Amino acid sequence: MNGRRGEIRDLEAYLLGSFYHRLSRALKKEERREQTIHLVSSVEELDLLGASSHAEREQDIEGAVHAREILDRMDAWSRKVWIAREYGYSWKHIGHVLGIPADNVMLRFRRRMKVLRARLSGGR
């Protein structure tokens, strides 16, 4: 050891300590392996997970189609306000940009969405 450690004075204590150290490392390694194996799901669980994520993707696609249809049927003003809200702008900021009080912007937008919703659902 290039003089970094002294001599072993008690060989039995050294061997016992070495044994405990190696045993502890082996047990920890085995425990990590068991946890890794436990984390891997069974084939049935993976199939269920895949089926549920497939259903979620279908819902996402369906939602995107509905959103696209709604956007296509919006007038230019409503589309502009909706896009601004999607980007996180407040009613106050949108109203400031449009030169209209925030309350009026919100009410006008909600009224137009109510009319659009009724038109899309077959009413009016």
N, C-alpha and C. Protein backbone atom coordinates (compact mmCIF):
# COMPACT_ATOMS: atom_id res chain seq x y z
N MET A 1 0.83 -1.19 0.00
CA MET A 1 0.00 0.00 0.00
C MET A 1 0.87 1.25 0.00
N ASN A 2 2.14 1.13 -0.33
CA ASN A 2 3.07 2.24 -0.41
C ASN A 2 3.16 3.03 0.89
N GLY A 3 3.02 2.35 1.99
CA GLY A 3 3.21 2.99 3.28
C GLY A 3 2.03 3.82 3.76
N ARG A 4 0.92 3.75 3.10
CA ARG A 4 -0.23 4.54 3.50
C ARG A 4 -0.96 3.92 4.69
N ARG A 5 -0.83 2.64 4.88
CA ARG A 5 -1.46 1.96 6.00
C ARG A 5 -0.39 1.22 6.79
N GLY A 6 -0.74 1.08 8.04
CA GLY A 6 0.21 0.36 8.88
C GLY A 6 0.03 -1.15 8.74
N GLU A 7 0.78 -1.87 9.52
CA GLU A 7 0.70 -3.32 9.49
C GLU A 7 -0.62 -3.79 10.09
N ILE A 8 -1.00 -5.00 9.72
CA ILE A 8 -2.18 -5.62 10.32
C ILE A 8 -1.71 -6.23 11.63
N ARG A 9 -2.25 -5.71 12.72
CA ARG A 9 -1.81 -6.18 14.03
C ARG A 9 -2.61 -7.38 14.48
N ASP A 10 -3.93 -7.38 14.15
CA ASP A 10 -4.79 -8.49 14.56
C ASP A 10 -5.41 -9.06 13.29
N LEU A 11 -4.85 -10.14 12.81
CA LEU A 11 -5.28 -10.73 11.54
C LEU A 11 -6.73 -11.21 11.63
N GLU A 12 -7.12 -11.78 12.75
CA GLU A 12 -8.48 -12.29 12.91
C GLU A 12 -9.49 -11.14 12.82
N ALA A 13 -9.23 -10.01 13.48
CA ALA A 13 -10.12 -8.86 13.44
C ALA A 13 -10.17 -8.27 12.03
N TYR A 14 -9.01 -8.25 11.37
CA TYR A 14 -8.96 -7.74 10.00
C TYR A 14 -9.81 -8.61 9.07
N LEU A 15 -9.64 -9.91 9.15
CA LEU A 15 -10.40 -10.82 8.29
C LEU A 15 -11.90 -10.75 8.58
N LEU A 16 -12.25 -10.65 9.86
CA LEU A 16 -13.65 -10.55 10.23
C LEU A 16 -14.25 -9.25 9.69
N GLY A 17 -13.55 -8.14 9.83
CA GLY A 17 -14.01 -6.85 9.30
C GLY A 17 -14.14 -6.89 7.79
N SER A 18 -13.17 -7.50 7.13
CA SER A 18 -13.19 -7.63 5.68
C SER A 18 -14.39 -8.46 5.23
N PHE A 19 -14.63 -9.56 5.97
CA PHE A 19 -15.77 -10.42 5.66
C PHE A 19 -17.09 -9.65 5.79
N TYR A 20 -17.26 -8.92 6.89
CA TYR A 20 -18.49 -8.15 7.11
C TYR A 20 -18.68 -7.09 6.02
N HIS A 21 -17.59 -6.44 5.64
CA HIS A 21 -17.65 -5.42 4.61
C HIS A 21 -18.09 -6.02 3.28
N ARG A 22 -17.49 -7.12 2.89
CA ARG A 22 -17.85 -7.76 1.61
C ARG A 22 -19.26 -8.32 1.64
N LEU A 23 -19.65 -8.89 2.78
CA LEU A 23 -21.00 -9.41 2.92
C LEU A 23 -22.03 -8.28 2.81
N SER A 24 -21.75 -7.17 3.45
CA SER A 24 -22.64 -6.03 3.38
C SER A 24 -22.79 -5.53 1.95
N ARG A 25 -21.70 -5.42 1.22
CA ARG A 25 -21.75 -5.00 -0.19
C ARG A 25 -22.54 -5.97 -1.04
N ALA A 26 -22.34 -7.27 -0.81
CA ALA A 26 -23.07 -8.29 -1.58
C ALA A 26 -24.56 -8.23 -1.28
N LEU A 27 -24.92 -8.04 0.00
CA LEU A 27 -26.34 -7.95 0.35
C LEU A 27 -27.00 -6.71 -0.26
N LYS A 28 -26.29 -5.59 -0.25
CA LYS A 28 -26.84 -4.38 -0.86
C LYS A 28 -27.01 -4.55 -2.37
N LYS A 29 -26.05 -5.21 -3.00
CA LYS A 29 -26.13 -5.46 -4.44
C LYS A 29 -27.33 -6.36 -4.75
N GLU A 30 -27.53 -7.40 -3.95
CA GLU A 30 -28.66 -8.31 -4.13
C GLU A 30 -29.99 -7.57 -3.92
N GLU A 31 -30.03 -6.69 -2.92
CA GLU A 31 -31.24 -5.92 -2.64
C GLU A 31 -31.58 -5.00 -3.81
N ARG A 32 -30.58 -4.34 -4.39
CA ARG A 32 -30.81 -3.49 -5.56
C ARG A 32 -31.31 -4.31 -6.74
N ARG A 33 -30.76 -5.50 -6.93
CA ARG A 33 -31.19 -6.37 -8.02
C ARG A 33 -32.65 -6.79 -7.82
N GLU A 34 -33.00 -7.13 -6.60
CA GLU A 34 -34.39 -7.52 -6.29
C GLU A 34 -35.34 -6.36 -6.53
N GLN A 35 -34.95 -5.16 -6.15
CA GLN A 35 -35.81 -4.00 -6.37
C GLN A 35 -35.98 -3.73 -7.86
N THR A 36 -34.92 -3.91 -8.63
CA THR A 36 -34.99 -3.70 -10.07
C THR A 36 -35.94 -4.71 -10.69
N ILE A 37 -35.82 -5.95 -10.31
CA ILE A 37 -36.70 -6.99 -10.83
C ILE A 37 -38.14 -6.71 -10.42
N HIS A 38 -38.34 -6.25 -9.20
CA HIS A 38 -39.69 -5.95 -8.72
C HIS A 38 -40.31 -4.80 -9.49
N LEU A 39 -39.49 -3.83 -9.94
CA LEU A 39 -40.01 -2.68 -10.67
C LEU A 39 -40.47 -3.03 -12.08
N VAL A 40 -39.92 -4.10 -12.66
CA VAL A 40 -40.31 -4.50 -14.00
C VAL A 40 -41.69 -5.13 -13.92
N SER A 41 -42.64 -4.59 -14.67
CA SER A 41 -44.01 -5.06 -14.62
C SER A 41 -44.17 -6.37 -15.39
N SER A 42 -45.24 -7.06 -15.07
CA SER A 42 -45.55 -8.28 -15.79
C SER A 42 -46.07 -7.92 -17.18
N VAL A 43 -46.12 -8.89 -18.06
CA VAL A 43 -46.59 -8.66 -19.43
C VAL A 43 -48.04 -8.19 -19.43
N GLU A 44 -48.86 -8.75 -18.55
CA GLU A 44 -50.28 -8.36 -18.49
C GLU A 44 -50.41 -6.89 -18.09
N GLU A 45 -49.61 -6.48 -17.09
CA GLU A 45 -49.68 -5.09 -16.66
C GLU A 45 -49.23 -4.14 -17.77
N LEU A 46 -48.19 -4.55 -18.51
CA LEU A 46 -47.72 -3.72 -19.62
C LEU A 46 -48.77 -3.63 -20.72
N ASP A 47 -49.48 -4.74 -20.99
CA ASP A 47 -50.55 -4.71 -21.99
C ASP A 47 -51.67 -3.77 -21.57
N LEU A 48 -52.05 -3.82 -20.29
CA LEU A 48 -53.09 -2.93 -19.79
C LEU A 48 -52.66 -1.47 -19.90
N LEU A 49 -51.40 -1.22 -19.56
CA LEU A 49 -50.87 0.13 -19.65
C LEU A 49 -50.88 0.62 -21.10
N GLY A 50 -50.48 -0.24 -22.02
CA GLY A 50 -50.49 0.12 -23.44
C GLY A 50 -51.88 0.39 -23.94
N ALA A 51 -52.86 -0.42 -23.51
CA ALA A 51 -54.25 -0.23 -23.93
C ALA A 51 -54.79 1.09 -23.40
N SER A 52 -54.49 1.42 -22.15
CA SER A 52 -55.00 2.67 -21.59
C SER A 52 -54.35 3.87 -22.26
N SER A 53 -53.05 3.79 -22.56
CA SER A 53 -52.40 4.92 -23.23
C SER A 53 -52.92 5.06 -24.66
N HIS A 54 -53.30 3.93 -25.29
CA HIS A 54 -53.87 3.97 -26.63
C HIS A 54 -55.22 4.71 -26.60
N ALA A 55 -56.03 4.39 -25.58
CA ALA A 55 -57.33 5.06 -25.43
C ALA A 55 -57.14 6.55 -25.18
N GLU A 56 -56.13 6.90 -24.38
CA GLU A 56 -55.85 8.31 -24.12
C GLU A 56 -55.43 9.03 -25.39
N ARG A 57 -54.62 8.36 -26.23
CA ARG A 57 -54.21 8.98 -27.50
C ARG A 57 -55.41 9.21 -28.40
N GLU A 58 -56.33 8.23 -28.42
CA GLU A 58 -57.54 8.40 -29.23
C GLU A 58 -58.35 9.60 -28.74
N GLN A 59 -58.48 9.74 -27.43
CA GLN A 59 -59.21 10.88 -26.88
C GLN A 59 -58.50 12.19 -27.21
N ASP A 60 -57.16 12.19 -27.15
CA ASP A 60 -56.41 13.39 -27.49
C ASP A 60 -56.62 13.78 -28.95
N ILE A 61 -56.61 12.79 -29.83
CA ILE A 61 -56.81 13.06 -31.26
C ILE A 61 -58.22 13.59 -31.49
N GLU A 62 -59.19 12.94 -30.84
CA GLU A 62 -60.58 13.38 -30.97
C GLU A 62 -60.74 14.81 -30.46
N GLY A 63 -60.12 15.12 -29.33
CA GLY A 63 -60.17 16.47 -28.79
C GLY A 63 -59.54 17.48 -29.72
N ALA A 64 -58.43 17.10 -30.35
CA ALA A 64 -57.75 18.00 -31.28
C ALA A 64 -58.64 18.28 -32.50
N VAL A 65 -59.34 17.24 -32.98
CA VAL A 65 -60.24 17.42 -34.12
C VAL A 65 -61.38 18.37 -33.74
N HIS A 66 -61.95 18.17 -32.55
CA HIS A 66 -63.02 19.06 -32.09
C HIS A 66 -62.51 20.50 -31.94
N ALA A 67 -61.34 20.65 -31.36
CA ALA A 67 -60.78 21.99 -31.18
C ALA A 67 -60.55 22.66 -32.53
N ARG A 68 -60.05 21.89 -33.50
CA ARG A 68 -59.81 22.44 -34.84
C ARG A 68 -61.12 22.89 -35.48
N GLU A 69 -62.18 22.05 -35.31
CA GLU A 69 -63.49 22.39 -35.86
C GLU A 69 -64.03 23.66 -35.21
N ILE A 70 -63.87 23.77 -33.91
CA ILE A 70 -64.35 24.96 -33.20
C ILE A 70 -63.58 26.19 -33.65
N LEU A 71 -62.26 26.07 -33.76
CA LEU A 71 -61.45 27.21 -34.22
C LEU A 71 -61.83 27.65 -35.62
N ASP A 72 -62.11 26.67 -36.49
CA ASP A 72 -62.48 27.01 -37.87
C ASP A 72 -63.80 27.77 -37.93
N ARG A 73 -64.68 27.51 -36.98
CA ARG A 73 -66.00 28.16 -37.00
C ARG A 73 -66.04 29.46 -36.20
N MET A 74 -64.96 29.80 -35.52
CA MET A 74 -64.92 31.05 -34.76
C MET A 74 -64.72 32.23 -35.69
N ASP A 75 -65.28 33.38 -35.30
CA ASP A 75 -64.99 34.60 -36.04
C ASP A 75 -63.58 35.06 -35.68
N ALA A 76 -63.05 36.00 -36.44
CA ALA A 76 -61.65 36.43 -36.26
C ALA A 76 -61.40 37.00 -34.87
N TRP A 77 -62.33 37.80 -34.35
CA TRP A 77 -62.15 38.41 -33.03
C TRP A 77 -62.08 37.33 -31.94
N SER A 78 -63.02 36.39 -31.97
CA SER A 78 -63.04 35.32 -30.97
C SER A 78 -61.79 34.45 -31.05
N ARG A 79 -61.36 34.16 -32.27
CA ARG A 79 -60.15 33.35 -32.47
C ARG A 79 -58.94 34.06 -31.88
N LYS A 80 -58.85 35.37 -32.10
CA LYS A 80 -57.73 36.15 -31.58
C LYS A 80 -57.72 36.11 -30.04
N VAL A 81 -58.89 36.28 -29.43
CA VAL A 81 -58.98 36.26 -27.97
C VAL A 81 -58.67 34.86 -27.44
N TRP A 82 -59.20 33.84 -28.09
CA TRP A 82 -58.96 32.46 -27.64
C TRP A 82 -57.48 32.13 -27.70
N ILE A 83 -56.82 32.49 -28.77
CA ILE A 83 -55.39 32.22 -28.91
C ILE A 83 -54.60 32.97 -27.84
N ALA A 84 -54.98 34.20 -27.58
CA ALA A 84 -54.29 34.97 -26.53
C ALA A 84 -54.46 34.30 -25.17
N ARG A 85 -55.66 33.80 -24.88
CA ARG A 85 -55.89 33.09 -23.61
C ARG A 85 -55.08 31.80 -23.55
N GLU A 86 -54.97 31.09 -24.68
CA GLU A 86 -54.18 29.86 -24.73
C GLU A 86 -52.71 30.14 -24.43
N TYR A 87 -52.23 31.30 -24.85
CA TYR A 87 -50.85 31.67 -24.58
C TYR A 87 -50.66 32.28 -23.20
N GLY A 88 -51.72 32.33 -22.42
CA GLY A 88 -51.61 32.73 -21.02
C GLY A 88 -51.83 34.20 -20.73
N TYR A 89 -52.30 34.95 -21.70
CA TYR A 89 -52.56 36.36 -21.45
C TYR A 89 -53.81 36.52 -20.60
N SER A 90 -53.81 37.52 -19.75
CA SER A 90 -54.96 37.78 -18.87
C SER A 90 -56.03 38.53 -19.65
N TRP A 91 -57.25 38.51 -19.11
CA TRP A 91 -58.34 39.26 -19.71
C TRP A 91 -57.99 40.75 -19.74
N LYS A 92 -57.33 41.19 -18.70
CA LYS A 92 -56.95 42.60 -18.59
C LYS A 92 -56.00 42.99 -19.72
N HIS A 93 -55.00 42.15 -19.96
CA HIS A 93 -54.02 42.44 -21.00
C HIS A 93 -54.68 42.40 -22.39
N ILE A 94 -55.52 41.40 -22.61
CA ILE A 94 -56.22 41.30 -23.90
C ILE A 94 -57.09 42.53 -24.12
N GLY A 95 -57.81 42.92 -23.07
CA GLY A 95 -58.65 44.11 -23.17
C GLY A 95 -57.84 45.36 -23.47
N HIS A 96 -56.67 45.47 -22.85
CA HIS A 96 -55.79 46.63 -23.08
C HIS A 96 -55.36 46.67 -24.55
N VAL A 97 -54.97 45.51 -25.09
CA VAL A 97 -54.53 45.45 -26.49
C VAL A 97 -55.68 45.77 -27.44
N LEU A 98 -56.89 45.29 -27.12
CA LEU A 98 -58.05 45.52 -28.00
C LEU A 98 -58.72 46.87 -27.75
N GLY A 99 -58.33 47.54 -26.67
CA GLY A 99 -58.93 48.83 -26.36
C GLY A 99 -60.32 48.72 -25.77
N ILE A 100 -60.59 47.59 -25.10
CA ILE A 100 -61.90 47.32 -24.50
C ILE A 100 -61.66 46.95 -23.04
N PRO A 101 -62.53 47.34 -22.11
CA PRO A 101 -62.36 46.91 -20.72
C PRO A 101 -62.35 45.38 -20.61
N ALA A 102 -61.56 44.88 -19.68
CA ALA A 102 -61.38 43.44 -19.52
C ALA A 102 -62.70 42.71 -19.29
N ASP A 103 -63.58 43.30 -18.49
CA ASP A 103 -64.87 42.65 -18.23
C ASP A 103 -65.69 42.49 -19.50
N ASN A 104 -65.67 43.52 -20.34
CA ASN A 104 -66.41 43.45 -21.60
C ASN A 104 -65.83 42.40 -22.53
N VAL A 105 -64.50 42.29 -22.57
CA VAL A 105 -63.86 41.28 -23.41
C VAL A 105 -64.29 39.90 -22.96
N MET A 106 -64.24 39.66 -21.66
CA MET A 106 -64.59 38.35 -21.12
C MET A 106 -66.05 38.03 -21.40
N LEU A 107 -66.95 38.96 -21.15
CA LEU A 107 -68.38 38.73 -21.38
C LEU A 107 -68.68 38.50 -22.86
N ARG A 108 -68.10 39.33 -23.72
CA ARG A 108 -68.34 39.19 -25.15
C ARG A 108 -67.82 37.83 -25.66
N PHE A 109 -66.63 37.44 -25.19
CA PHE A 109 -66.05 36.16 -25.61
C PHE A 109 -66.94 35.00 -25.13
N ARG A 110 -67.35 35.03 -23.89
CA ARG A 110 -68.19 33.95 -23.35
C ARG A 110 -69.53 33.88 -24.09
N ARG A 111 -70.11 35.03 -24.40
CA ARG A 111 -71.37 35.05 -25.14
C ARG A 111 -71.19 34.43 -26.51
N ARG A 112 -70.12 34.80 -27.19
CA ARG A 112 -69.86 34.23 -28.53
C ARG A 112 -69.60 32.73 -28.46
N MET A 113 -68.92 32.26 -27.40
CA MET A 113 -68.68 30.83 -27.26
C MET A 113 -69.98 30.08 -26.97
N LYS A 114 -70.88 30.73 -26.25
CA LYS A 114 -72.19 30.11 -25.96
C LYS A 114 -72.98 29.95 -27.25
N VAL A 115 -72.96 30.97 -28.10
CA VAL A 115 -73.65 30.90 -29.38
C VAL A 115 -73.02 29.82 -30.27
N LEU A 116 -71.70 29.78 -30.30
CA LEU A 116 -70.99 28.78 -31.10
C LEU A 116 -71.29 27.37 -30.60
N ARG A 117 -71.30 27.19 -29.30
CA ARG A 117 -71.60 25.89 -28.70
C ARG A 117 -73.00 25.43 -29.09
N ALA A 118 -73.94 26.38 -29.05
CA ALA A 118 -75.32 26.04 -29.43
C ALA A 118 -75.41 25.67 -30.92
N ARG A 119 -74.67 26.39 -31.74
CA ARG A 119 -74.66 26.10 -33.18
C ARG A 119 -74.05 24.72 -33.46
N LEU A 120 -72.97 24.38 -32.76
CA LEU A 120 -72.31 23.10 -32.98
C LEU A 120 -73.12 21.92 -32.44
N SER A 121 -73.89 22.16 -31.40
CA SER A 121 -74.67 21.06 -30.82
C SER A 121 -76.00 20.88 -31.54
N GLY A 122 -76.27 21.66 -32.56
CA GLY A 122 -77.48 21.49 -33.34
C GLY A 122 -78.58 22.46 -32.98
N GLY A 123 -78.38 23.23 -31.94
CA GLY A 123 -79.38 24.23 -31.56
C GLY A 123 -79.28 25.44 -32.45
N ARG A 124 -80.27 26.24 -32.50
CA ARG A 124 -80.33 27.50 -33.26
C ARG A 124 -79.73 27.39 -34.62
